[in-house]
């Protein structure tokens, strides 16, 4: 069980909702795709670290600041004698390394994750020293996608390839480790310094009138949904969802996109579209709002 679990960022959740309800420009759409792909790769890596049986503290997705400089840590594992720090990349396809640069074939240069790793490792070391901890740091880049290939891979870089990840975890699992209160204090301190609001957000501006209205399928996100008796039925995948559940889910989505928006029967009736008549909406809303079911939840817990 990780000491700090990974959760979808508010930015990714909002972009997911916007991608269903408006046309994102090519730059934002590509950014959203990369963000989603990166998250999926990190979750895949988490499925391996969570199997570790050795004494360790796993902290996922930290956003820290040192000397007014922000840096991110995908995964951090605290063990007795060392901190293991992982930069996880979900790259897919054929790449090659040349002159300390990384290219995707045939000749598209991409950001070299080693430079990113080196910067974050240096900042982490500074942070640990400022907190009074002198643990050794073992930093690695993990290429997690099994369909990734790197030609001319440098032997002097801390790279873990898809075919090596499982064995790496097995080796890590047998390292003797006995944690102390000091290790737990470090984990707690890092958690207290973690920032949840990234300064690098790229969410486009939007308003209510711009967004497509309607109840989407809970399974495939299709708008091809209609009411049959007490169910919302998707005509694309066949999924069936109780009307109450569909309305509450739609309200949650609205509150994510418009956190300061006032929930009314008329507004949610317009937002859901397919749910008729208005009295059906009216019957559902009071209980959920009065109980704090909607307003009391954070974005990460909603979806």
C-alpha atoms as a PDB file:
ATOM      1  CA  UNK A   1       0.000   0.000   0.000  1.00  0.00           C
ATOM      2  CA  UNK A   2       1.613   3.297  -1.060  1.00  0.00           C
ATOM      3  CA  UNK A   3       2.198   5.924   1.612  1.00  0.00           C
ATOM      4  CA  UNK A   4       0.903   8.456  -0.902  1.00  0.00           C
ATOM      5  CA  UNK A   5      -1.331   7.110  -3.648  1.00  0.00           C
ATOM      6  CA  UNK A   6      -1.475   8.558  -7.121  1.00  0.00           C
ATOM      7  CA  UNK A   7      -4.586  10.437  -8.156  1.00  0.00           C
ATOM      8  CA  UNK A   8      -5.615  12.056 -11.395  1.00  0.00           C
ATOM      9  CA  UNK A   9      -4.729  15.715 -11.372  1.00  0.00           C
ATOM     10  CA  UNK A  10      -7.561  18.235 -11.477  1.00  0.00           C
ATOM     11  CA  UNK A  11      -6.071  19.423 -14.746  1.00  0.00           C
ATOM     12  CA  UNK A  12      -6.379  16.007 -16.376  1.00  0.00           C
ATOM     13  CA  UNK A  13      -9.931  15.541 -15.077  1.00  0.00           C
ATOM     14  CA  UNK A  14     -11.014  18.915 -16.460  1.00  0.00           C
ATOM     15  CA  UNK A  15      -9.367  18.275 -19.820  1.00  0.00           C
ATOM     16  CA  UNK A  16     -11.087  14.883 -20.026  1.00  0.00           C
ATOM     17  CA  UNK A  17     -14.463  16.526 -19.497  1.00  0.00           C
ATOM     18  CA  UNK A  18     -13.752  19.358 -21.914  1.00  0.00           C
ATOM     19  CA  UNK A  19     -12.589  16.947 -24.612  1.00  0.00           C
ATOM     20  CA  UNK A  20     -16.096  15.428 -24.572  1.00  0.00           C
ATOM     21  CA  UNK A  21     -17.971  18.721 -24.698  1.00  0.00           C
ATOM     22  CA  UNK A  22     -15.964  21.078 -26.900  1.00  0.00           C
ATOM     23  CA  UNK A  23     -13.466  21.065 -29.735  1.00  0.00           C
ATOM     24  CA  UNK A  24     -10.002  21.521 -28.258  1.00  0.00           C
ATOM     25  CA  UNK A  25      -7.463  23.140 -30.534  1.00  0.00           C
ATOM     26  CA  UNK A  26      -4.663  20.909 -31.772  1.00  0.00           C
ATOM     27  CA  UNK A  27      -2.095  22.177 -29.270  1.00  0.00           C
ATOM     28  CA  UNK A  28      -4.344  21.652 -26.244  1.00  0.00           C
ATOM     29  CA  UNK A  29      -5.542  18.288 -27.558  1.00  0.00           C
ATOM     30  CA  UNK A  30      -1.953  17.092 -27.960  1.00  0.00           C
ATOM     31  CA  UNK A  31      -1.115  18.328 -24.469  1.00  0.00           C
ATOM     32  CA  UNK A  32      -4.150  16.473 -23.081  1.00  0.00           C
ATOM     33  CA  UNK A  33      -3.152  13.302 -24.940  1.00  0.00           C
ATOM     34  CA  UNK A  34       0.396  13.488 -23.540  1.00  0.00           C
ATOM     35  CA  UNK A  35      -0.889  14.159 -20.028  1.00  0.00           C
ATOM     36  CA  UNK A  36      -3.267  11.203 -20.213  1.00  0.00           C
ATOM     37  CA  UNK A  37      -0.620   8.899 -21.666  1.00  0.00           C
ATOM     38  CA  UNK A  38       1.848   9.927 -18.977  1.00  0.00           C
ATOM     39  CA  UNK A  39      -0.679   9.218 -16.226  1.00  0.00           C
ATOM     40  CA  UNK A  40      -1.461   5.785 -17.685  1.00  0.00           C
ATOM     41  CA  UNK A  41       2.242   4.936 -17.705  1.00  0.00           C
ATOM     42  CA  UNK A  42       2.640   6.025 -14.089  1.00  0.00           C
ATOM     43  CA  UNK A  43      -0.341   3.903 -13.042  1.00  0.00           C
ATOM     44  CA  UNK A  44       1.229   0.916 -14.806  1.00  0.00           C
ATOM     45  CA  UNK A  45       4.464   1.499 -12.891  1.00  0.00           C
ATOM     46  CA  UNK A  46       2.475   1.796  -9.641  1.00  0.00           C
ATOM     47  CA  UNK A  47       1.014  -1.662 -10.233  1.00  0.00           C
ATOM     48  CA  UNK A  48       4.570  -2.989  -9.905  1.00  0.00           C
ATOM     49  CA  UNK A  49       5.766  -0.922  -6.941  1.00  0.00           C
ATOM     50  CA  UNK A  50       2.633  -1.844  -4.994  1.00  0.00           C
ATOM     51  CA  UNK A  51       3.737  -5.483  -5.074  1.00  0.00           C
ATOM     52  CA  UNK A  52       6.901  -4.733  -3.092  1.00  0.00           C
ATOM     53  CA  UNK A  53       7.007  -6.674   0.173  1.00  0.00           C
ATOM     54  CA  UNK A  54      10.163  -5.094   1.583  1.00  0.00           C
ATOM     55  CA  UNK A  55       9.988  -2.424   4.259  1.00  0.00           C
ATOM     56  CA  UNK A  56       9.621   0.815   2.339  1.00  0.00           C
ATOM     57  CA  UNK A  57       7.522   3.954   1.982  1.00  0.00           C
ATOM     58  CA  UNK A  58       6.181   4.704  -1.495  1.00  0.00           C
ATOM     59  CA  UNK A  59       5.219   8.274  -2.340  1.00  0.00           C
ATOM     60  CA  UNK A  60       3.710   8.909  -5.750  1.00  0.00           C
ATOM     61  CA  UNK A  61       3.319  12.133  -7.671  1.00  0.00           C
ATOM     62  CA  UNK A  62       5.032  14.790  -5.562  1.00  0.00           C
ATOM     63  CA  UNK A  63       5.219  18.435  -6.635  1.00  0.00           C
ATOM     64  CA  UNK A  64       7.876  20.177  -4.559  1.00  0.00           C
ATOM     65  CA  UNK A  65       9.511  23.599  -4.450  1.00  0.00           C
ATOM     66  CA  UNK A  66      13.138  24.383  -3.607  1.00  0.00           C
ATOM     67  CA  UNK A  67      14.447  27.949  -3.726  1.00  0.00           C
ATOM     68  CA  UNK A  68      11.402  29.050  -5.750  1.00  0.00           C
ATOM     69  CA  UNK A  69      12.010  26.248  -8.258  1.00  0.00           C
ATOM     70  CA  UNK A  70       9.263  23.677  -8.815  1.00  0.00           C
ATOM     71  CA  UNK A  71      10.011  20.062  -9.650  1.00  0.00           C
ATOM     72  CA  UNK A  72       7.976  16.886  -9.901  1.00  0.00           C
ATOM     73  CA  UNK A  73       8.699  13.357  -8.726  1.00  0.00           C
ATOM     74  CA  UNK A  74       6.719  10.573 -10.384  1.00  0.00           C
ATOM     75  CA  UNK A  75       7.583   7.904  -7.804  1.00  0.00           C
ATOM     76  CA  UNK A  76       9.741   7.924  -4.690  1.00  0.00           C
ATOM     77  CA  UNK A  77      10.589   4.886  -2.591  1.00  0.00           C
ATOM     78  CA  UNK A  78      12.174   5.436   0.820  1.00  0.00           C
ATOM     79  CA  UNK A  79      14.199   2.496   2.100  1.00  0.00           C
ATOM     80  CA  UNK A  80      16.567   2.162   5.043  1.00  0.00           C
ATOM     81  CA  UNK A  81      19.770   3.227   3.354  1.00  0.00           C
ATOM     82  CA  UNK A  82      18.648   4.914   0.180  1.00  0.00           C
ATOM     83  CA  UNK A  83      15.908   6.831  -1.602  1.00  0.00           C
ATOM     84  CA  UNK A  84      14.893   5.491  -4.995  1.00  0.00           C
ATOM     85  CA  UNK A  85      13.595   8.162  -7.331  1.00  0.00           C
ATOM     86  CA  UNK A  86      11.894   7.288 -10.644  1.00  0.00           C
ATOM     87  CA  UNK A  87      11.046   9.397 -13.670  1.00  0.00           C
ATOM     88  CA  UNK A  88       8.448   7.349 -15.552  1.00  0.00           C
ATOM     89  CA  UNK A  89       8.019   7.736 -19.321  1.00  0.00           C
ATOM     90  CA  UNK A  90       5.276   6.099 -21.362  1.00  0.00           C
ATOM     91  CA  UNK A  91       6.972   6.613 -24.731  1.00  0.00           C
ATOM     92  CA  UNK A  92       5.887   4.325 -27.546  1.00  0.00           C
ATOM     93  CA  UNK A  93       7.712   3.553 -30.792  1.00  0.00           C
ATOM     94  CA  UNK A  94      11.289   3.658 -32.048  1.00  0.00           C
ATOM     95  CA  UNK A  95      13.706   6.196 -30.575  1.00  0.00           C
ATOM     96  CA  UNK A  96      17.441   6.722 -30.782  1.00  0.00           C
ATOM     97  CA  UNK A  97      20.024   8.469 -28.604  1.00  0.00           C
ATOM     98  CA  UNK A  98      22.646  10.656 -30.238  1.00  0.00           C
ATOM     99  CA  UNK A  99      24.945  13.419 -28.984  1.00  0.00           C
ATOM    100  CA  UNK A 100      23.189  13.482 -25.614  1.00  0.00           C
ATOM    101  CA  UNK A 101      19.852  14.058 -27.359  1.00  0.00           C
ATOM    102  CA  UNK A 102      16.800  11.860 -27.760  1.00  0.00           C
ATOM    103  CA  UNK A 103      15.010  11.483 -31.087  1.00  0.00           C
ATOM    104  CA  UNK A 104      11.905   9.686 -32.204  1.00  0.00           C
ATOM    105  CA  UNK A 105      12.427   8.073 -35.578  1.00  0.00           C
ATOM    106  CA  UNK A 106      12.946   9.268 -38.165  1.00  0.00           C
ATOM    107  CA  UNK A 107      14.299  12.589 -36.818  1.00  0.00           C
ATOM    108  CA  UNK A 108      11.959  14.236 -34.302  1.00  0.00           C
ATOM    109  CA  UNK A 109      13.884  15.543 -31.297  1.00  0.00           C
ATOM    110  CA  UNK A 110      12.069  15.195 -27.969  1.00  0.00           C
ATOM    111  CA  UNK A 111      12.949  16.393 -24.513  1.00  0.00           C
ATOM    112  CA  UNK A 112      15.694  14.241 -23.050  1.00  0.00           C
ATOM    113  CA  UNK A 113      14.248  12.815 -19.801  1.00  0.00           C
ATOM    114  CA  UNK A 114      17.776  12.383 -18.424  1.00  0.00           C
ATOM    115  CA  UNK A 115      18.183  16.165 -18.251  1.00  0.00           C
ATOM    116  CA  UNK A 116      14.870  16.376 -16.418  1.00  0.00           C
ATOM    117  CA  UNK A 117      15.943  13.597 -14.059  1.00  0.00           C
ATOM    118  CA  UNK A 118      19.291  15.253 -13.290  1.00  0.00           C
ATOM    119  CA  UNK A 119      17.606  18.560 -12.499  1.00  0.00           C
ATOM    120  CA  UNK A 120      15.011  16.951 -10.217  1.00  0.00           C
ATOM    121  CA  UNK A 121      17.618  14.804  -8.474  1.00  0.00           C
ATOM    122  CA  UNK A 122      19.737  17.873  -7.713  1.00  0.00           C
ATOM    123  CA  UNK A 123      16.739  19.765  -6.355  1.00  0.00           C
ATOM    124  CA  UNK A 124      15.645  16.778  -4.261  1.00  0.00           C
ATOM    125  CA  UNK A 125      19.127  16.519  -2.775  1.00  0.00           C
ATOM    126  CA  UNK A 126      19.047  20.212  -1.855  1.00  0.00           C
ATOM    127  CA  UNK A 127      15.642  19.765  -0.257  1.00  0.00           C
ATOM    128  CA  UNK A 128      16.716  16.744   1.781  1.00  0.00           C
ATOM    129  CA  UNK A 129      19.794  18.557   3.095  1.00  0.00           C
ATOM    130  CA  UNK A 130      17.687  21.565   4.061  1.00  0.00           C
ATOM    131  CA  UNK A 131      15.447  19.200   6.031  1.00  0.00           C
ATOM    132  CA  UNK A 132      18.412  17.561   7.755  1.00  0.00           C
ATOM    133  CA  UNK A 133      18.403  14.245   5.883  1.00  0.00           C
ATOM    134  CA  UNK A 134      21.477  12.804   4.189  1.00  0.00           C
ATOM    135  CA  UNK A 135      20.127   9.663   2.539  1.00  0.00           C
ATOM    136  CA  UNK A 136      21.713   8.577  -0.724  1.00  0.00           C
ATOM    137  CA  UNK A 137      19.565   9.079  -3.825  1.00  0.00           C
ATOM    138  CA  UNK A 138      19.325   6.485  -6.592  1.00  0.00           C
ATOM    139  CA  UNK A 139      17.566   8.153  -9.539  1.00  0.00           C
ATOM    140  CA  UNK A 140      16.419   6.292 -12.666  1.00  0.00           C
ATOM    141  CA  UNK A 141      14.407   6.817 -15.827  1.00  0.00           C
ATOM    142  CA  UNK A 142      11.800   4.092 -16.372  1.00  0.00           C
ATOM    143  CA  UNK A 143      10.532   3.486 -19.890  1.00  0.00           C
ATOM    144  CA  UNK A 144       7.388   1.581 -19.015  1.00  0.00           C
ATOM    145  CA  UNK A 145       5.703   1.010 -22.392  1.00  0.00           C
ATOM    146  CA  UNK A 146       6.448  -2.502 -23.752  1.00  0.00           C
ATOM    147  CA  UNK A 147       6.288  -1.089 -27.312  1.00  0.00           C
ATOM    148  CA  UNK A 148       9.223   1.259 -26.703  1.00  0.00           C
ATOM    149  CA  UNK A 149      12.640   0.713 -28.300  1.00  0.00           C
ATOM    150  CA  UNK A 150      15.739   2.868 -27.834  1.00  0.00           C
ATOM    151  CA  UNK A 151      18.583   2.499 -30.324  1.00  0.00           C
ATOM    152  CA  UNK A 152      22.127   3.502 -29.396  1.00  0.00           C
ATOM    153  CA  UNK A 153      21.157   3.506 -25.740  1.00  0.00           C
ATOM    154  CA  UNK A 154      23.912   5.007 -23.566  1.00  0.00           C
ATOM    155  CA  UNK A 155      25.401   2.552 -21.093  1.00  0.00           C
ATOM    156  CA  UNK A 156      26.320   5.280 -18.606  1.00  0.00           C
ATOM    157  CA  UNK A 157      22.775   6.543 -18.024  1.00  0.00           C
ATOM    158  CA  UNK A 158      20.425   5.227 -15.293  1.00  0.00           C
ATOM    159  CA  UNK A 159      17.807   3.816 -17.650  1.00  0.00           C
ATOM    160  CA  UNK A 160      15.392   0.982 -16.888  1.00  0.00           C
ATOM    161  CA  UNK A 161      13.855  -0.500 -20.031  1.00  0.00           C
ATOM    162  CA  UNK A 162      10.442  -2.201 -20.268  1.00  0.00           C
ATOM    163  CA  UNK A 163      12.015  -5.664 -20.283  1.00  0.00           C
ATOM    164  CA  UNK A 164      14.018  -4.821 -17.141  1.00  0.00           C
ATOM    165  CA  UNK A 165      11.362  -3.289 -14.892  1.00  0.00           C
ATOM    166  CA  UNK A 166      10.065  -6.542 -13.414  1.00  0.00           C
ATOM    167  CA  UNK A 167      13.544  -7.844 -12.596  1.00  0.00           C
ATOM    168  CA  UNK A 168      14.503  -4.458 -11.153  1.00  0.00           C
ATOM    169  CA  UNK A 169      11.565  -4.644  -8.750  1.00  0.00           C
ATOM    170  CA  UNK A 170      12.453  -8.199  -7.767  1.00  0.00           C
ATOM    171  CA  UNK A 171      16.015  -7.077  -6.986  1.00  0.00           C
ATOM    172  CA  UNK A 172      14.715  -4.105  -5.006  1.00  0.00           C
ATOM    173  CA  UNK A 173      12.414  -6.347  -3.032  1.00  0.00           C
ATOM    174  CA  UNK A 174      15.242  -8.435  -1.565  1.00  0.00           C
ATOM    175  CA  UNK A 175      17.350  -5.498  -0.347  1.00  0.00           C
ATOM    176  CA  UNK A 176      17.437  -5.572   3.482  1.00  0.00           C
ATOM    177  CA  UNK A 177      15.538  -2.583   4.831  1.00  0.00           C
ATOM    178  CA  UNK A 178      14.496  -1.660   8.346  1.00  0.00           C
ATOM    179  CA  UNK A 179      12.702   1.658   8.551  1.00  0.00           C
ATOM    180  CA  UNK A 180      12.880   3.946  11.575  1.00  0.00           C
ATOM    181  CA  UNK A 181      10.853   6.874  12.839  1.00  0.00           C
ATOM    182  CA  UNK A 182      13.281   9.119  10.975  1.00  0.00           C
ATOM    183  CA  UNK A 183      12.192   7.642   7.638  1.00  0.00           C
ATOM    184  CA  UNK A 184       8.544   8.153   8.527  1.00  0.00           C
ATOM    185  CA  UNK A 185       9.247  11.740   9.563  1.00  0.00           C
ATOM    186  CA  UNK A 186      10.858  12.327   6.174  1.00  0.00           C
ATOM    187  CA  UNK A 187       7.831  10.889   4.371  1.00  0.00           C
ATOM    188  CA  UNK A 188       5.485  13.070   6.442  1.00  0.00           C
ATOM    189  CA  UNK A 189       7.607  16.144   5.772  1.00  0.00           C
ATOM    190  CA  UNK A 190       7.582  15.541   2.024  1.00  0.00           C
ATOM    191  CA  UNK A 191       3.818  15.092   2.133  1.00  0.00           C
ATOM    192  CA  UNK A 192       3.432  18.369   4.007  1.00  0.00           C
ATOM    193  CA  UNK A 193       5.503  20.147   1.351  1.00  0.00           C
ATOM    194  CA  UNK A 194       3.622  18.615  -1.564  1.00  0.00           C
ATOM    195  CA  UNK A 195       1.772  21.101  -3.772  1.00  0.00           C
ATOM    196  CA  UNK A 196      -1.492  20.048  -5.385  1.00  0.00           C
ATOM    197  CA  UNK A 197      -1.807  23.027  -7.714  1.00  0.00           C
ATOM    198  CA  UNK A 198       0.660  22.852 -10.598  1.00  0.00           C
ATOM    199  CA  UNK A 199       1.951  26.149 -12.035  1.00  0.00           C
ATOM    200  CA  UNK A 200       2.174  24.509 -15.457  1.00  0.00           C
ATOM    201  CA  UNK A 201      -1.555  24.004 -16.071  1.00  0.00           C
ATOM    202  CA  UNK A 202      -2.752  24.437 -19.638  1.00  0.00           C
ATOM    203  CA  UNK A 203      -6.521  24.531 -19.364  1.00  0.00           C
ATOM    204  CA  UNK A 204      -8.200  26.520 -22.151  1.00  0.00           C
ATOM    205  CA  UNK A 205     -10.776  29.173 -21.336  1.00  0.00           C
ATOM    206  CA  UNK A 206     -14.399  28.066 -21.707  1.00  0.00           C
ATOM    207  CA  UNK A 207     -17.925  29.042 -20.713  1.00  0.00           C
ATOM    208  CA  UNK A 208     -21.237  27.260 -20.297  1.00  0.00           C
ATOM    209  CA  UNK A 209     -22.630  28.219 -23.718  1.00  0.00           C
ATOM    210  CA  UNK A 210     -19.574  26.757 -25.477  1.00  0.00           C
ATOM    211  CA  UNK A 211     -20.016  23.267 -24.080  1.00  0.00           C
ATOM    212  CA  UNK A 212     -22.115  20.502 -25.570  1.00  0.00           C
ATOM    213  CA  UNK A 213     -25.038  19.629 -23.329  1.00  0.00           C
ATOM    214  CA  UNK A 214     -26.311  16.142 -22.653  1.00  0.00           C
ATOM    215  CA  UNK A 215     -25.899  13.090 -20.460  1.00  0.00           C
ATOM    216  CA  UNK A 216     -22.952  10.958 -21.536  1.00  0.00           C
ATOM    217  CA  UNK A 217     -22.547   7.221 -21.213  1.00  0.00           C
ATOM    218  CA  UNK A 218     -20.708   6.276 -18.018  1.00  0.00           C
ATOM    219  CA  UNK A 219     -18.829   3.559 -19.885  1.00  0.00           C
ATOM    220  CA  UNK A 220     -17.912   4.957 -23.332  1.00  0.00           C
ATOM    221  CA  UNK A 221     -18.614   8.723 -22.999  1.00  0.00           C
ATOM    222  CA  UNK A 222     -21.040   8.672 -25.931  1.00  0.00           C
ATOM    223  CA  UNK A 223     -23.825  11.263 -26.080  1.00  0.00           C
ATOM    224  CA  UNK A 224     -26.023   8.677 -27.775  1.00  0.00           C
ATOM    225  CA  UNK A 225     -28.069   8.106 -24.632  1.00  0.00           C
ATOM    226  CA  UNK A 226     -31.822   7.907 -24.152  1.00  0.00           C
ATOM    227  CA  UNK A 227     -34.223   7.103 -21.319  1.00  0.00           C
ATOM    228  CA  UNK A 228     -35.861   3.698 -21.201  1.00  0.00           C
ATOM    229  CA  UNK A 229     -38.064   3.281 -18.142  1.00  0.00           C
ATOM    230  CA  UNK A 230     -35.771   4.155 -15.214  1.00  0.00           C
ATOM    231  CA  UNK A 231     -32.491   3.677 -17.033  1.00  0.00           C
ATOM    232  CA  UNK A 232     -30.205   5.755 -19.224  1.00  0.00           C
ATOM    233  CA  UNK A 233     -29.338   3.457 -22.103  1.00  0.00           C
ATOM    234  CA  UNK A 234     -26.356   3.971 -24.412  1.00  0.00           C
ATOM    235  CA  UNK A 235     -27.103   3.134 -28.044  1.00  0.00           C
ATOM    236  CA  UNK A 236     -23.401   2.752 -28.836  1.00  0.00           C
ATOM    237  CA  UNK A 237     -22.192   0.271 -26.225  1.00  0.00           C
ATOM    238  CA  UNK A 238     -25.453  -0.848 -24.604  1.00  0.00           C
ATOM    239  CA  UNK A 239     -24.524   0.274 -21.090  1.00  0.00           C
ATOM    240  CA  UNK A 240     -27.485   0.850 -18.767  1.00  0.00           C
ATOM    241  CA  UNK A 241     -27.318   3.249 -15.832  1.00  0.00           C
ATOM    242  CA  UNK A 242     -30.030   4.275 -13.334  1.00  0.00           C
ATOM    243  CA  UNK A 243     -31.330   7.775 -14.048  1.00  0.00           C
ATOM    244  CA  UNK A 244     -30.477   8.950 -10.538  1.00  0.00           C
ATOM    245  CA  UNK A 245     -26.875   7.829 -10.930  1.00  0.00           C
ATOM    246  CA  UNK A 246     -26.583   9.479 -14.356  1.00  0.00           C
ATOM    247  CA  UNK A 247     -27.985  12.792 -13.111  1.00  0.00           C
ATOM    248  CA  UNK A 248     -25.715  12.879 -10.057  1.00  0.00           C
ATOM    249  CA  UNK A 249     -22.711  12.063 -12.240  1.00  0.00           C
ATOM    250  CA  UNK A 250     -23.659  14.878 -14.609  1.00  0.00           C
ATOM    251  CA  UNK A 251     -24.002  17.293 -11.686  1.00  0.00           C
ATOM    252  CA  UNK A 252     -20.552  16.306 -10.445  1.00  0.00           C
ATOM    253  CA  UNK A 253     -19.113  16.986 -13.888  1.00  0.00           C
ATOM    254  CA  UNK A 254     -20.787  20.394 -13.931  1.00  0.00           C
ATOM    255  CA  UNK A 255     -19.358  21.236 -10.500  1.00  0.00           C
ATOM    256  CA  UNK A 256     -15.861  20.308 -11.654  1.00  0.00           C
ATOM    257  CA  UNK A 257     -16.115  22.538 -14.704  1.00  0.00           C
ATOM    258  CA  UNK A 258     -17.943  25.346 -12.894  1.00  0.00           C
ATOM    259  CA  UNK A 259     -17.018  25.093  -9.195  1.00  0.00           C
ATOM    260  CA  UNK A 260     -18.742  28.383  -8.399  1.00  0.00           C
ATOM    261  CA  UNK A 261     -21.854  27.615 -10.428  1.00  0.00           C
ATOM    262  CA  UNK A 262     -25.187  27.486  -8.628  1.00  0.00           C
ATOM    263  CA  UNK A 263     -27.058  24.212  -8.958  1.00  0.00           C
ATOM    264  CA  UNK A 264     -30.706  24.663  -9.926  1.00  0.00           C
ATOM    265  CA  UNK A 265     -33.342  22.374 -11.383  1.00  0.00           C
ATOM    266  CA  UNK A 266     -33.528  24.408 -14.605  1.00  0.00           C
ATOM    267  CA  UNK A 267     -29.776  24.454 -15.074  1.00  0.00           C
ATOM    268  CA  UNK A 268     -29.303  20.707 -14.532  1.00  0.00           C
ATOM    269  CA  UNK A 269     -32.331  19.983 -16.722  1.00  0.00           C
ATOM    270  CA  UNK A 270     -30.609  21.927 -19.506  1.00  0.00           C
ATOM    271  CA  UNK A 271     -27.226  20.324 -18.744  1.00  0.00           C
ATOM    272  CA  UNK A 272     -28.558  16.747 -18.841  1.00  0.00           C
ATOM    273  CA  UNK A 273     -30.933  17.299 -21.797  1.00  0.00           C
ATOM    274  CA  UNK A 274     -32.302  13.750 -22.086  1.00  0.00           C
ATOM    275  CA  UNK A 275     -33.832  13.528 -18.596  1.00  0.00           C
ATOM    276  CA  UNK A 276     -37.482  14.561 -18.791  1.00  0.00           C
ATOM    277  CA  UNK A 277     -39.584  15.936 -17.146  1.00  0.00           C
ATOM    278  CA  UNK A 278     -38.109  18.559 -14.805  1.00  0.00           C
ATOM    279  CA  UNK A 279     -39.741  16.990 -11.781  1.00  0.00           C
ATOM    280  CA  UNK A 280     -37.436  13.999 -12.210  1.00  0.00           C
ATOM    281  CA  UNK A 281     -34.447  16.324 -11.800  1.00  0.00           C
ATOM    282  CA  UNK A 282     -36.161  18.093  -8.893  1.00  0.00           C
ATOM    283  CA  UNK A 283     -36.658  14.804  -7.029  1.00  0.00           C
ATOM    284  CA  UNK A 284     -32.985  13.882  -7.386  1.00  0.00           C
ATOM    285  CA  UNK A 285     -31.282  17.176  -6.568  1.00  0.00           C
ATOM    286  CA  UNK A 286     -32.405  18.141  -3.045  1.00  0.00           C
ATOM    287  CA  UNK A 287     -31.162  14.997  -1.300  1.00  0.00           C
ATOM    288  CA  UNK A 288     -27.729  15.112  -2.892  1.00  0.00           C
ATOM    289  CA  UNK A 289     -27.171  18.828  -2.359  1.00  0.00           C
ATOM    290  CA  UNK A 290     -28.517  18.989   1.191  1.00  0.00           C
ATOM    291  CA  UNK A 291     -26.392  16.013   2.239  1.00  0.00           C
ATOM    292  CA  UNK A 292     -23.262  17.653   0.855  1.00  0.00           C
ATOM    293  CA  UNK A 293     -22.740  14.720  -1.496  1.00  0.00           C
ATOM    294  CA  UNK A 294     -21.710  17.042  -4.303  1.00  0.00           C
ATOM    295  CA  UNK A 295     -20.281  20.188  -2.742  1.00  0.00           C
ATOM    296  CA  UNK A 296     -18.393  18.231  -0.083  1.00  0.00           C
ATOM    297  CA  UNK A 297     -16.307  16.219  -2.509  1.00  0.00           C
ATOM    298  CA  UNK A 298     -12.975  17.181  -3.965  1.00  0.00           C
ATOM    299  CA  UNK A 299     -12.371  16.895  -7.686  1.00  0.00           C
ATOM    300  CA  UNK A 300     -10.094  13.875  -7.305  1.00  0.00           C
ATOM    301  CA  UNK A 301     -12.757  11.937  -5.385  1.00  0.00           C
ATOM    302  CA  UNK A 302     -15.501  12.720  -7.828  1.00  0.00           C
ATOM    303  CA  UNK A 303     -14.365  10.729 -10.838  1.00  0.00           C
END
